C-alpha atoms as a PDB file:
ATOM      1  CA  MET A   1      -0.044  -0.038   0.009  1.00  0.00           C
ATOM      2  CA  LYS A   2       2.782   2.358   0.841  1.00  0.00           C
ATOM      3  CA  SER A   3       4.427   1.818  -2.589  1.00  0.00           C
ATOM      4  CA  LEU A   4       1.123   2.739  -4.299  1.00  0.00           C
ATOM      5  CA  GLU A   5       0.919   5.947  -2.206  1.00  0.00           C
ATOM      6  CA  ASP A   6       4.493   6.894  -3.198  1.00  0.00           C
ATOM      7  CA  ARG A   7       3.684   6.253  -6.864  1.00  0.00           C
ATOM      8  CA  LEU A   8       0.512   8.358  -6.668  1.00  0.00           C
ATOM      9  CA  ASP A   9       2.501  11.201  -4.899  1.00  0.00           C
ATOM     10  CA  ARG A  10       5.037  11.102  -7.675  1.00  0.00           C
ATOM     11  CA  VAL A  11       2.248  11.264 -10.332  1.00  0.00           C
ATOM     12  CA  ALA A  12       0.682  14.160  -8.626  1.00  0.00           C
ATOM     13  CA  ILE A  13       4.023  16.083  -8.327  1.00  0.00           C
ATOM     14  CA  ARG A  14       4.624  15.498 -12.098  1.00  0.00           C
ATOM     15  CA  GLN A  15       1.221  16.654 -13.056  1.00  0.00           C
ATOM     16  CA  ILE A  16       1.644  19.814 -11.037  1.00  0.00           C
ATOM     17  CA  VAL A  17       5.036  20.443 -12.699  1.00  0.00           C
ATOM     18  CA  GLY A  18       3.559  19.782 -16.068  1.00  0.00           C
ATOM     19  CA  GLU A  19       0.773  22.274 -15.587  1.00  0.00           C
ATOM     20  CA  VAL A  20       3.265  24.900 -14.419  1.00  0.00           C
ATOM     21  CA  MET A  21       5.482  24.327 -17.418  1.00  0.00           C
ATOM     22  CA  LEU A  22       2.459  24.531 -19.753  1.00  0.00           C
ATOM     23  CA  SER A  23       0.947  27.642 -18.236  1.00  0.00           C
ATOM     24  CA  THR A  24       4.289  29.403 -18.204  1.00  0.00           C
ATOM     25  CA  SER A  25       5.142  28.426 -21.778  1.00  0.00           C
ATOM     26  CA  LEU A  26       1.744  29.294 -23.277  1.00  0.00           C
ATOM     27  CA  GLY A  27       1.654  32.557 -21.151  1.00  0.00           C
ATOM     28  CA  LEU A  28       5.006  33.685 -22.591  1.00  0.00           C
ATOM     29  CA  VAL A  29       4.066  32.742 -26.128  1.00  0.00           C
ATOM     30  CA  LEU A  30       0.782  34.697 -25.789  1.00  0.00           C
ATOM     31  CA  ARG A  31       2.615  37.825 -24.773  1.00  0.00           C
ATOM     32  CA  SER A  32       3.600  38.242 -28.455  1.00  0.00           C
ATOM     33  CA  VAL A  33       0.012  37.926 -29.552  1.00  0.00           C
ATOM     34  CA  PRO A  34      -2.015  41.032 -30.222  1.00  0.00           C
ATOM     35  CA  ASP A  35      -4.445  41.708 -27.330  1.00  0.00           C
ATOM     36  CA  ALA A  36      -7.652  41.191 -29.345  1.00  0.00           C
ATOM     37  CA  LEU A  37      -6.393  37.918 -30.688  1.00  0.00           C
ATOM     38  CA  ARG A  38      -5.230  36.740 -27.226  1.00  0.00           C
ATOM     39  CA  ARG A  39      -8.645  37.592 -25.659  1.00  0.00           C
ATOM     40  CA  GLU A  40     -10.350  35.682 -28.418  1.00  0.00           C
ATOM     41  CA  LEU A  41      -8.057  32.693 -28.014  1.00  0.00           C
ATOM     42  CA  MET A  42      -8.724  32.654 -24.218  1.00  0.00           C
ATOM     43  CA  ARG A  43     -12.470  33.071 -24.821  1.00  0.00           C
ATOM     44  CA  GLU A  44     -12.476  30.077 -27.216  1.00  0.00           C
ATOM     45  CA  LEU A  45     -10.454  27.950 -24.692  1.00  0.00           C
ATOM     46  CA  ARG A  46     -12.907  28.656 -21.838  1.00  0.00           C
ATOM     47  CA  ALA A  47     -15.861  28.040 -24.168  1.00  0.00           C
ATOM     48  CA  ASN A  48     -14.773  24.731 -25.437  1.00  0.00           C
ATOM     49  CA  VAL A  49     -13.957  23.036 -22.128  1.00  0.00           C
ATOM     50  CA  HIS A  50     -15.899  19.718 -21.834  1.00  0.00           C
ATOM     51  CA  VAL A  51     -15.334  17.232 -19.167  1.00  0.00           C
ATOM     52  CA  ASP A  52     -17.143  13.887 -19.121  1.00  0.00           C
ATOM     53  CA  ALA A  53     -16.878  11.296 -16.503  1.00  0.00           C
ATOM     54  CA  SER A  54     -18.660   8.116 -15.566  1.00  0.00           C
ATOM     55  CA  ALA A  55     -18.567   6.295 -12.184  1.00  0.00           C
ATOM     56  CA  PRO A  56     -20.703   3.846 -10.485  1.00  0.00           C
ATOM     57  CA  ASP A  57     -21.838   6.705  -8.214  1.00  0.00           C
ATOM     58  CA  SER A  58     -23.216   9.643 -10.123  1.00  0.00           C
ATOM     59  CA  GLY A  59     -22.173  11.980  -7.289  1.00  0.00           C
ATOM     60  CA  ASP A  60     -18.520  10.945  -7.720  1.00  0.00           C
ATOM     61  CA  ALA A  61     -18.674  11.493 -11.345  1.00  0.00           C
ATOM     62  CA  GLU A  62     -20.290  14.869 -11.000  1.00  0.00           C
ATOM     63  CA  ARG A  63     -17.759  15.860  -8.352  1.00  0.00           C
ATOM     64  CA  PHE A  64     -14.842  14.774 -10.569  1.00  0.00           C
ATOM     65  CA  VAL A  65     -16.233  16.811 -13.560  1.00  0.00           C
ATOM     66  CA  LEU A  66     -16.664  19.974 -11.326  1.00  0.00           C
ATOM     67  CA  GLU A  67     -13.221  19.635  -9.884  1.00  0.00           C
ATOM     68  CA  THR A  68     -11.606  19.081 -13.237  1.00  0.00           C
ATOM     69  CA  GLU A  69     -13.415  22.123 -14.681  1.00  0.00           C
ATOM     70  CA  GLU A  70     -12.433  24.290 -11.783  1.00  0.00           C
ATOM     71  CA  ARG A  71      -8.805  23.088 -12.147  1.00  0.00           C
ATOM     72  CA  PHE A  72      -8.770  23.851 -15.864  1.00  0.00           C
ATOM     73  CA  ASP A  73     -10.277  27.300 -15.170  1.00  0.00           C
ATOM     74  CA  ARG A  74      -7.483  28.012 -12.646  1.00  0.00           C
ATOM     75  CA  LEU A  75      -4.904  26.851 -15.243  1.00  0.00           C
ATOM     76  CA  LEU A  76      -6.425  29.305 -17.898  1.00  0.00           C
ATOM     77  CA  ASP A  77      -6.391  32.086 -15.370  1.00  0.00           C
ATOM     78  CA  GLN A  78      -2.696  31.519 -14.802  1.00  0.00           C
ATOM     79  CA  ILE A  79      -2.070  31.410 -18.404  1.00  0.00           C
ATOM     80  CA  GLU A  80      -4.047  34.710 -19.008  1.00  0.00           C
ATOM     81  CA  HIS A  81      -2.220  36.381 -16.054  1.00  0.00           C
ATOM     82  CA  LEU A  82       1.219  35.392 -17.378  1.00  0.00           C
ATOM     83  CA  SER A  83       0.309  36.497 -20.944  1.00  0.00           C
ATOM     84  CA  ARG A  84      -0.589  39.991 -19.643  1.00  0.00           C
ATOM     85  CA  THR A  85       2.376  40.348 -17.336  1.00  0.00           C
ATOM     86  CA  LYS A  86       5.207  42.129 -19.066  1.00  0.00           C
END
């Protein structure tokens, strides 16, 4: 059981590092995009988020969907903030 917990911890750390790298890279790239285009890109990203999940318990599936959408929104917020910071 301890080995499984260690592996899950490492996966979580890798995921966080990956999200930071993605948001930083995309934020830096978007700095060179004109403001109107950047706003449109971010609007499209937000509008096209779709998360679907199935689980034996519909409450678990709904909670997973909400948590994932919230996490994606936070990631987009970070990207947008970085893209505006000069």
